[in-house]
Amino acid sequence: ESAEKKSESAVETETAVLPDYSGDVEGETFTFDQLE
């Protein structure tokens, strides 16, 4: 399965440029206290 995903990712890289990761998390985040 990992080999298949890498193959698809390689194809997309040829057609589009990946954005740089800024460290921000999208969506709602939870702390450990909230989970408990």
PDB file of all heavy atoms in Angstrom:
ATOM      1  N   GLU A   1       0.844  -1.224   0.000  1.00  0.00           N
ATOM      2  CA  GLU A   1       0.000   0.000   0.000  1.00  0.00           C
ATOM      3  C   GLU A   1       0.860   1.248   0.000  1.00  0.00           C
ATOM      4  O   GLU A   1       0.569   2.238  -0.685  1.00  0.00           O
ATOM      5  CB  GLU A   1      -0.901  -0.027   1.241  1.00  0.00           C
ATOM      6  CG  GLU A   1      -1.953  -1.133   1.185  1.00  0.00           C
ATOM      7  CD  GLU A   1      -2.761  -1.175   2.471  1.00  0.00           C
ATOM      8  OE1 GLU A   1      -2.416  -0.416   3.401  1.00  0.00           O
ATOM      9  OE2 GLU A   1      -3.711  -1.978   2.531  1.00  0.00           O
ATOM     10  N   SER A   2       1.938   1.252   0.793  1.00  0.00           N
ATOM     11  CA  SER A   2       2.830   2.415   0.850  1.00  0.00           C
ATOM     12  C   SER A   2       3.471   2.675  -0.488  1.00  0.00           C
ATOM     13  O   SER A   2       3.638   3.816  -0.917  1.00  0.00           O
ATOM     14  CB  SER A   2       3.898   2.172   1.909  1.00  0.00           C
ATOM     15  OG  SER A   2       4.824   3.220   1.931  1.00  0.00           O
ATOM     16  N   ALA A   3       3.803   1.589  -1.192  1.00  0.00           N
ATOM     17  CA  ALA A   3       4.416   1.750  -2.518  1.00  0.00           C
ATOM     18  C   ALA A   3       3.450   2.391  -3.498  1.00  0.00           C
ATOM     19  O   ALA A   3       3.819   3.217  -4.334  1.00  0.00           O
ATOM     20  CB  ALA A   3       4.882   0.389  -3.036  1.00  0.00           C
ATOM     21  N   GLU A   4       2.142   2.016  -3.405  1.00  0.00           N
ATOM     22  CA  GLU A   4       1.139   2.603  -4.306  1.00  0.00           C
ATOM     23  C   GLU A   4       0.980   4.113  -4.058  1.00  0.00           C
ATOM     24  O   GLU A   4       0.878   4.920  -4.980  1.00  0.00           O
ATOM     25  CB  GLU A   4      -0.189   1.891  -4.105  1.00  0.00           C
ATOM     26  CG  GLU A   4      -0.183   0.451  -4.640  1.00  0.00           C
ATOM     27  CD  GLU A   4      -1.518  -0.236  -4.389  1.00  0.00           C
ATOM     28  OE1 GLU A   4      -2.415   0.426  -3.846  1.00  0.00           O
ATOM     29  OE2 GLU A   4      -1.628  -1.435  -4.726  1.00  0.00           O
ATOM     30  N   LYS A   5       0.934   4.504  -2.750  1.00  0.00           N
ATOM     31  CA  LYS A   5       0.775   5.930  -2.411  1.00  0.00           C
ATOM     32  C   LYS A   5       1.952   6.748  -2.914  1.00  0.00           C
ATOM     33  O   LYS A   5       1.803   7.861  -3.410  1.00  0.00           O
ATOM     34  CB  LYS A   5       0.627   6.103  -0.910  1.00  0.00           C
ATOM     35  CG  LYS A   5      -0.712   5.581  -0.394  1.00  0.00           C
ATOM     36  CD  LYS A   5      -0.793   5.760   1.106  1.00  0.00           C
ATOM     37  CE  LYS A   5      -2.127   5.225   1.644  1.00  0.00           C
ATOM     38  NZ  LYS A   5      -2.228   5.396   3.107  1.00  0.00           N
ATOM     39  N   LYS A   6       3.164   6.210  -2.761  1.00  0.00           N
ATOM     40  CA  LYS A   6       4.349   6.931  -3.239  1.00  0.00           C
ATOM     41  C   LYS A   6       4.314   7.111  -4.736  1.00  0.00           C
ATOM     42  O   LYS A   6       4.737   8.133  -5.283  1.00  0.00           O
ATOM     43  CB  LYS A   6       5.620   6.173  -2.827  1.00  0.00           C
ATOM     44  CG  LYS A   6       5.921   6.265  -1.345  1.00  0.00           C
ATOM     45  CD  LYS A   6       7.181   5.502  -1.013  1.00  0.00           C
ATOM     46  CE  LYS A   6       7.476   5.572   0.473  1.00  0.00           C
ATOM     47  NZ  LYS A   6       8.707   4.844   0.835  1.00  0.00           N
ATOM     48  N   SER A   7       3.779   6.120  -5.421  1.00  0.00           N
ATOM     49  CA  SER A   7       3.688   6.223  -6.887  1.00  0.00           C
ATOM     50  C   SER A   7       2.737   7.324  -7.301  1.00  0.00           C
ATOM     51  O   SER A   7       3.004   8.119  -8.200  1.00  0.00           O
ATOM     52  CB  SER A   7       3.256   4.872  -7.453  1.00  0.00           C
ATOM     53  OG  SER A   7       3.134   4.952  -8.841  1.00  0.00           O
ATOM     54  N   GLU A   8       1.544   7.411  -6.616  1.00  0.00           N
ATOM     55  CA  GLU A   8       0.567   8.462  -6.928  1.00  0.00           C
ATOM     56  C   GLU A   8       1.134   9.838  -6.601  1.00  0.00           C
ATOM     57  O   GLU A   8       0.938  10.812  -7.333  1.00  0.00           O
ATOM     58  CB  GLU A   8      -0.707   8.216  -6.121  1.00  0.00           C
ATOM     59  CG  GLU A   8      -1.451   6.953  -6.577  1.00  0.00           C
ATOM     60  CD  GLU A   8      -2.650   6.664  -5.681  1.00  0.00           C
ATOM     61  OE1 GLU A   8      -2.844   7.440  -4.722  1.00  0.00           O
ATOM     62  OE2 GLU A   8      -3.334   5.651  -5.917  1.00  0.00           O
ATOM     63  N   SER A   9       1.841   9.948  -5.452  1.00  0.00           N
ATOM     64  CA  SER A   9       2.423  11.234  -5.044  1.00  0.00           C
ATOM     65  C   SER A   9       3.464  11.699  -6.040  1.00  0.00           C
ATOM     66  O   SER A   9       3.577  12.903  -6.344  1.00  0.00           O
ATOM     67  CB  SER A   9       3.040  11.115  -3.661  1.00  0.00           C
ATOM     68  OG  SER A   9       3.676  12.300  -3.295  1.00  0.00           O
ATOM     69  N   ALA A  10       4.192  10.798  -6.601  1.00  0.00           N
ATOM     70  CA  ALA A  10       5.212  11.166  -7.588  1.00  0.00           C
ATOM     71  C   ALA A  10       4.586  11.732  -8.851  1.00  0.00           C
ATOM     72  O   ALA A  10       5.102  12.663  -9.477  1.00  0.00           O
ATOM     73  CB  ALA A  10       6.078   9.945  -7.910  1.00  0.00           C
ATOM     74  N   VAL A  11       3.405  11.151  -9.222  1.00  0.00           N
ATOM     75  CA  VAL A  11       2.716  11.647 -10.426  1.00  0.00           C
ATOM     76  C   VAL A  11       2.221  13.075 -10.204  1.00  0.00           C
ATOM     77  O   VAL A  11       2.328  13.960 -11.067  1.00  0.00           O
ATOM     78  CB  VAL A  11       1.564  10.707 -10.790  1.00  0.00           C
ATOM     79  CG1 VAL A  11       0.779  11.277 -11.936  1.00  0.00           C
ATOM     80  CG2 VAL A  11       2.115   9.330 -11.155  1.00  0.00           C
ATOM     81  N   GLU A  12       1.611  13.357  -8.998  1.00  0.00           N
ATOM     82  CA  GLU A  12       1.099  14.697  -8.694  1.00  0.00           C
ATOM     83  C   GLU A  12       2.227  15.713  -8.634  1.00  0.00           C
ATOM     84  O   GLU A  12       2.061  16.882  -8.995  1.00  0.00           O
ATOM     85  CB  GLU A  12       0.367  14.658  -7.350  1.00  0.00           C
ATOM     86  CG  GLU A  12      -0.933  13.850  -7.421  1.00  0.00           C
ATOM     87  CD  GLU A  12      -1.608  13.773  -6.050  1.00  0.00           C
ATOM     88  OE1 GLU A  12      -1.022  14.336  -5.095  1.00  0.00           O
ATOM     89  OE2 GLU A  12      -2.656  13.117  -5.951  1.00  0.00           O
ATOM     90  N   THR A  13       3.409  15.296  -8.159  1.00  0.00           N
ATOM     91  CA  THR A  13       4.540  16.219  -8.070  1.00  0.00           C
ATOM     92  C   THR A  13       4.951  16.734  -9.437  1.00  0.00           C
ATOM     93  O   THR A  13       5.400  17.867  -9.607  1.00  0.00           O
ATOM     94  CB  THR A  13       5.721  15.517  -7.389  1.00  0.00           C
ATOM     95  OG1 THR A  13       5.332  15.029  -6.127  1.00  0.00           O
ATOM     96  CG2 THR A  13       6.912  16.454  -7.216  1.00  0.00           C
ATOM     97  N   GLU A  14       4.787  15.829 -10.441  1.00  0.00           N
ATOM     98  CA  GLU A  14       5.155  16.255 -11.789  1.00  0.00           C
ATOM     99  C   GLU A  14       4.203  17.332 -12.345  1.00  0.00           C
ATOM    100  O   GLU A  14       4.593  18.161 -13.156  1.00  0.00           O
ATOM    101  CB  GLU A  14       5.168  15.040 -12.721  1.00  0.00           C
ATOM    102  CG  GLU A  14       6.267  14.040 -12.375  1.00  0.00           C
ATOM    103  CD  GLU A  14       6.185  12.833 -13.284  1.00  0.00           C
ATOM    104  OE1 GLU A  14       5.269  12.795 -14.116  1.00  0.00           O
ATOM    105  OE2 GLU A  14       7.049  11.916 -13.144  1.00  0.00           O
ATOM    106  N   THR A  15       2.885  17.346 -11.827  1.00  0.00           N
ATOM    107  CA  THR A  15       1.886  18.281 -12.386  1.00  0.00           C
ATOM    108  C   THR A  15       1.674  19.517 -11.525  1.00  0.00           C
ATOM    109  O   THR A  15       1.205  20.554 -12.002  1.00  0.00           O
ATOM    110  CB  THR A  15       0.549  17.565 -12.544  1.00  0.00           C
ATOM    111  OG1 THR A  15       0.153  17.041 -11.268  1.00  0.00           O
ATOM    112  CG2 THR A  15       0.691  16.399 -13.533  1.00  0.00           C
ATOM    113  N   ALA A  16       1.983  19.436 -10.187  1.00  0.00           N
ATOM    114  CA  ALA A  16       1.735  20.582  -9.307  1.00  0.00           C
ATOM    115  C   ALA A  16       2.861  20.752  -8.318  1.00  0.00           C
ATOM    116  O   ALA A  16       3.526  19.793  -7.985  1.00  0.00           O
ATOM    117  CB  ALA A  16       0.413  20.387  -8.556  1.00  0.00           C
ATOM    118  N   VAL A  17       3.004  21.957  -7.824  1.00  0.00           N
ATOM    119  CA  VAL A  17       4.044  22.268  -6.866  1.00  0.00           C
ATOM    120  C   VAL A  17       3.445  22.231  -5.475  1.00  0.00           C
ATOM    121  O   VAL A  17       2.415  22.856  -5.217  1.00  0.00           O
ATOM    122  CB  VAL A  17       4.653  23.647  -7.130  1.00  0.00           C
ATOM    123  CG1 VAL A  17       5.741  23.966  -6.118  1.00  0.00           C
ATOM    124  CG2 VAL A  17       5.207  23.710  -8.549  1.00  0.00           C
ATOM    125  N   LEU A  18       4.061  21.444  -4.514  1.00  0.00           N
ATOM    126  CA  LEU A  18       3.559  21.316  -3.154  1.00  0.00           C
ATOM    127  C   LEU A  18       3.852  22.593  -2.379  1.00  0.00           C
ATOM    128  O   LEU A  18       4.956  23.149  -2.464  1.00  0.00           O
ATOM    129  CB  LEU A  18       4.224  20.133  -2.443  1.00  0.00           C
ATOM    130  CG  LEU A  18       3.901  18.753  -3.024  1.00  0.00           C
ATOM    131  CD1 LEU A  18       4.703  17.694  -2.290  1.00  0.00           C
ATOM    132  CD2 LEU A  18       2.421  18.460  -2.905  1.00  0.00           C
ATOM    133  N   PRO A  19       2.826  23.111  -1.566  1.00  0.00           N
ATOM    134  CA  PRO A  19       3.047  24.325  -0.767  1.00  0.00           C
ATOM    135  C   PRO A  19       3.975  24.032   0.398  1.00  0.00           C
ATOM    136  O   PRO A  19       4.055  22.911   0.875  1.00  0.00           O
ATOM    137  CB  PRO A  19       1.648  24.678  -0.269  1.00  0.00           C
ATOM    138  CG  PRO A  19       0.930  23.386  -0.227  1.00  0.00           C
ATOM    139  CD  PRO A  19       1.446  22.590  -1.381  1.00  0.00           C
ATOM    140  N   ASP A  20       4.633  25.046   0.871  1.00  0.00           N
ATOM    141  CA  ASP A  20       5.521  24.892   2.024  1.00  0.00           C
ATOM    142  C   ASP A  20       4.695  24.756   3.278  1.00  0.00           C
ATOM    143  O   ASP A  20       3.662  25.400   3.460  1.00  0.00           O
ATOM    144  CB  ASP A  20       6.442  26.097   2.149  1.00  0.00           C
ATOM    145  CG  ASP A  20       7.381  26.198   0.950  1.00  0.00           C
ATOM    146  OD1 ASP A  20       7.664  25.118   0.366  1.00  0.00           O
ATOM    147  OD2 ASP A  20       7.819  27.306   0.633  1.00  0.00           O
ATOM    148  N   TYR A  21       5.176  23.845   4.256  1.00  0.00           N
ATOM    149  CA  TYR A  21       4.466  23.624   5.528  1.00  0.00           C
ATOM    150  C   TYR A  21       4.873  24.715   6.498  1.00  0.00           C
ATOM    151  O   TYR A  21       6.063  24.903   6.774  1.00  0.00           O
ATOM    152  CB  TYR A  21       4.817  22.234   6.089  1.00  0.00           C
ATOM    153  CG  TYR A  21       4.179  21.934   7.412  1.00  0.00           C
ATOM    154  CD1 TYR A  21       2.790  21.813   7.518  1.00  0.00           C
ATOM    155  CD2 TYR A  21       4.977  21.791   8.563  1.00  0.00           C
ATOM    156  CE1 TYR A  21       2.210  21.526   8.735  1.00  0.00           C
ATOM    157  CE2 TYR A  21       4.389  21.500   9.783  1.00  0.00           C
ATOM    158  CZ  TYR A  21       3.000  21.371   9.857  1.00  0.00           C
ATOM    159  OH  TYR A  21       2.428  21.114  11.065  1.00  0.00           O
ATOM    160  N   SER A  22       3.817  25.404   7.070  1.00  0.00           N
ATOM    161  CA  SER A  22       4.079  26.534   7.974  1.00  0.00           C
ATOM    162  C   SER A  22       4.019  26.161   9.433  1.00  0.00           C
ATOM    163  O   SER A  22       4.422  26.921  10.299  1.00  0.00           O
ATOM    164  CB  SER A  22       3.071  27.668   7.718  1.00  0.00           C
ATOM    165  OG  SER A  22       1.746  27.192   7.973  1.00  0.00           O
ATOM    166  N   GLY A  23       3.492  24.949   9.788  1.00  0.00           N
ATOM    167  CA  GLY A  23       3.355  24.529  11.178  1.00  0.00           C
ATOM    168  C   GLY A  23       1.983  24.760  11.749  1.00  0.00           C
ATOM    169  O   GLY A  23       1.694  24.337  12.864  1.00  0.00           O
ATOM    170  N   ASP A  24       1.109  25.396  10.990  1.00  0.00           N
ATOM    171  CA  ASP A  24      -0.257  25.624  11.471  1.00  0.00           C
ATOM    172  C   ASP A  24      -1.097  24.385  11.226  1.00  0.00           C
ATOM    173  O   ASP A  24      -0.957  23.696  10.216  1.00  0.00           O
ATOM    174  CB  ASP A  24      -0.881  26.814  10.765  1.00  0.00           C
ATOM    175  CG  ASP A  24      -0.126  28.123  11.057  1.00  0.00           C
ATOM    176  OD1 ASP A  24       0.468  28.161  12.159  1.00  0.00           O
ATOM    177  OD2 ASP A  24      -0.106  29.008  10.191  1.00  0.00           O
ATOM    178  N   VAL A  25      -1.998  24.066  12.189  1.00  0.00           N
ATOM    179  CA  VAL A  25      -2.887  22.908  12.084  1.00  0.00           C
ATOM    180  C   VAL A  25      -4.262  23.393  11.670  1.00  0.00           C
ATOM    181  O   VAL A  25      -4.835  24.295  12.287  1.00  0.00           O
ATOM    182  CB  VAL A  25      -2.978  22.166  13.432  1.00  0.00           C
ATOM    183  CG1 VAL A  25      -3.916  20.994  13.312  1.00  0.00           C
ATOM    184  CG2 VAL A  25      -1.603  21.705  13.865  1.00  0.00           C
ATOM    185  N   GLU A  26      -4.795  22.758  10.645  1.00  0.00           N
ATOM    186  CA  GLU A  26      -6.116  23.112  10.189  1.00  0.00           C
ATOM    187  C   GLU A  26      -7.163  22.382  10.994  1.00  0.00           C
ATOM    188  O   GLU A  26      -6.963  21.264  11.410  1.00  0.00           O
ATOM    189  CB  GLU A  26      -6.253  22.771   8.707  1.00  0.00           C
ATOM    190  CG  GLU A  26      -5.308  23.549   7.806  1.00  0.00           C
ATOM    191  CD  GLU A  26      -5.497  23.163   6.356  1.00  0.00           C
ATOM    192  OE1 GLU A  26      -6.345  22.270   6.103  1.00  0.00           O
ATOM    193  OE2 GLU A  26      -4.786  23.701   5.504  1.00  0.00           O
ATOM    194  N   GLY A  27      -8.328  22.960  11.204  1.00  0.00           N
ATOM    195  CA  GLY A  27      -9.423  22.338  11.936  1.00  0.00           C
ATOM    196  C   GLY A  27      -9.287  22.541  13.427  1.00  0.00           C
ATOM    197  O   GLY A  27      -8.380  23.220  13.907  1.00  0.00           O
ATOM    198  N   GLU A  28     -10.204  21.826  14.203  1.00  0.00           N
ATOM    199  CA  GLU A  28     -10.263  21.999  15.653  1.00  0.00           C
ATOM    200  C   GLU A  28      -9.228  21.106  16.314  1.00  0.00           C
ATOM    201  O   GLU A  28      -9.045  19.961  15.943  1.00  0.00           O
ATOM    202  CB  GLU A  28     -11.648  21.628  16.158  1.00  0.00           C
ATOM    203  CG  GLU A  28     -11.846  21.932  17.626  1.00  0.00           C
ATOM    204  CD  GLU A  28     -13.271  21.601  18.096  1.00  0.00           C
ATOM    205  OE1 GLU A  28     -14.080  21.109  17.260  1.00  0.00           O
ATOM    206  OE2 GLU A  28     -13.536  21.789  19.280  1.00  0.00           O
ATOM    207  N   THR A  29      -8.581  21.667  17.297  1.00  0.00           N
ATOM    208  CA  THR A  29      -7.578  20.924  18.059  1.00  0.00           C
ATOM    209  C   THR A  29      -8.056  20.744  19.486  1.00  0.00           C
ATOM    210  O   THR A  29      -8.831  21.552  20.000  1.00  0.00           O
ATOM    211  CB  THR A  29      -6.236  21.671  18.062  1.00  0.00           C
ATOM    212  OG1 THR A  29      -6.419  22.953  18.649  1.00  0.00           O
ATOM    213  CG2 THR A  29      -5.691  21.814  16.646  1.00  0.00           C
ATOM    214  N   PHE A  30      -7.571  19.590  20.119  1.00  0.00           N
ATOM    215  CA  PHE A  30      -7.983  19.254  21.491  1.00  0.00           C
ATOM    216  C   PHE A  30      -6.746  19.034  22.339  1.00  0.00           C
ATOM    217  O   PHE A  30      -5.748  18.465  21.880  1.00  0.00           O
ATOM    218  CB  PHE A  30      -8.841  17.995  21.510  1.00  0.00           C
ATOM    219  CG  PHE A  30     -10.133  18.137  20.733  1.00  0.00           C
ATOM    220  CD1 PHE A  30     -10.204  17.771  19.397  1.00  0.00           C
ATOM    221  CD2 PHE A  30     -11.254  18.651  21.369  1.00  0.00           C
ATOM    222  CE1 PHE A  30     -11.389  17.902  18.706  1.00  0.00           C
ATOM    223  CE2 PHE A  30     -12.446  18.764  20.649  1.00  0.00           C
ATOM    224  CZ  PHE A  30     -12.515  18.398  19.318  1.00  0.00           C
ATOM    225  N   THR A  31      -6.887  19.479  23.601  1.00  0.00           N
ATOM    226  CA  THR A  31      -5.828  19.213  24.572  1.00  0.00           C
ATOM    227  C   THR A  31      -6.117  17.886  25.265  1.00  0.00           C
ATOM    228  O   THR A  31      -7.212  17.324  25.159  1.00  0.00           O
ATOM    229  CB  THR A  31      -5.726  20.353  25.610  1.00  0.00           C
ATOM    230  OG1 THR A  31      -6.930  20.363  26.357  1.00  0.00           O
ATOM    231  CG2 THR A  31      -5.491  21.699  24.940  1.00  0.00           C
ATOM    232  N   PHE A  32      -5.124  17.394  26.061  1.00  0.00           N
ATOM    233  CA  PHE A  32      -5.283  16.125  26.769  1.00  0.00           C
ATOM    234  C   PHE A  32      -6.345  16.233  27.864  1.00  0.00           C
ATOM    235  O   PHE A  32      -7.109  15.310  28.092  1.00  0.00           O
ATOM    236  CB  PHE A  32      -3.929  15.713  27.393  1.00  0.00           C
ATOM    237  CG  PHE A  32      -3.939  14.357  28.029  1.00  0.00           C
ATOM    238  CD1 PHE A  32      -3.994  13.198  27.261  1.00  0.00           C
ATOM    239  CD2 PHE A  32      -3.938  14.247  29.411  1.00  0.00           C
ATOM    240  CE1 PHE A  32      -4.022  11.960  27.844  1.00  0.00           C
ATOM    241  CE2 PHE A  32      -3.977  12.999  29.998  1.00  0.00           C
ATOM    242  CZ  PHE A  32      -4.003  11.850  29.206  1.00  0.00           C
ATOM    243  N   ASP A  33      -6.405  17.379  28.504  1.00  0.00           N
ATOM    244  CA  ASP A  33      -7.420  17.576  29.544  1.00  0.00           C
ATOM    245  C   ASP A  33      -8.824  17.552  28.973  1.00  0.00           C
ATOM    246  O   ASP A  33      -9.764  17.032  29.586  1.00  0.00           O
ATOM    247  CB  ASP A  33      -7.186  18.914  30.251  1.00  0.00           C
ATOM    248  CG  ASP A  33      -5.893  18.909  31.051  1.00  0.00           C
ATOM    249  OD1 ASP A  33      -5.449  17.772  31.426  1.00  0.00           O
ATOM    250  OD2 ASP A  33      -5.309  19.973  31.282  1.00  0.00           O
ATOM    251  N   GLN A  34      -8.965  18.136  27.757  1.00  0.00           N
ATOM    252  CA  GLN A  34     -10.277  18.127  27.117  1.00  0.00           C
ATOM    253  C   GLN A  34     -10.719  16.698  26.779  1.00  0.00           C
ATOM    254  O   GLN A  34     -11.895  16.358  26.853  1.00  0.00           O
ATOM    255  CB  GLN A  34     -10.236  18.994  25.851  1.00  0.00           C
ATOM    256  CG  GLN A  34     -10.124  20.491  26.135  1.00  0.00           C
ATOM    257  CD  GLN A  34      -9.954  21.303  24.856  1.00  0.00           C
ATOM    258  OE1 GLN A  34      -9.458  20.781  23.844  1.00  0.00           O
ATOM    259  NE2 GLN A  34     -10.364  22.568  24.895  1.00  0.00           N
ATOM    260  N   LEU A  35      -9.755  15.890  26.375  1.00  0.00           N
ATOM    261  CA  LEU A  35     -10.109  14.502  26.040  1.00  0.00           C
ATOM    262  C   LEU A  35     -10.538  13.725  27.270  1.00  0.00           C
ATOM    263  O   LEU A  35     -11.371  12.814  27.200  1.00  0.00           O
ATOM    264  CB  LEU A  35      -8.922  13.798  25.369  1.00  0.00           C
ATOM    265  CG  LEU A  35      -8.547  14.298  23.966  1.00  0.00           C
ATOM    266  CD1 LEU A  35      -7.283  13.621  23.487  1.00  0.00           C
ATOM    267  CD2 LEU A  35      -9.680  14.052  22.968  1.00  0.00           C
ATOM    268  N   GLU A  36      -9.959  14.024  28.434  1.00  0.00           N
ATOM    269  CA  GLU A  36     -10.319  13.327  29.655  1.00  0.00           C
ATOM    270  C   GLU A  36     -11.596  13.850  30.278  1.00  0.00           C
ATOM    271  O   GLU A  36     -12.164  13.205  31.156  1.00  0.00           O
ATOM    272  CB  GLU A  36      -9.176  13.451  30.682  1.00  0.00           C
ATOM    273  CG  GLU A  36      -7.974  12.580  30.350  1.00  0.00           C
ATOM    274  CD  GLU A  36      -6.968  12.627  31.470  1.00  0.00           C
ATOM    275  OE1 GLU A  36      -7.002  13.567  32.288  1.00  0.00           O
ATOM    276  OE2 GLU A  36      -6.113  11.691  31.535  1.00  0.00           O
TER     277      GLU A  36
END
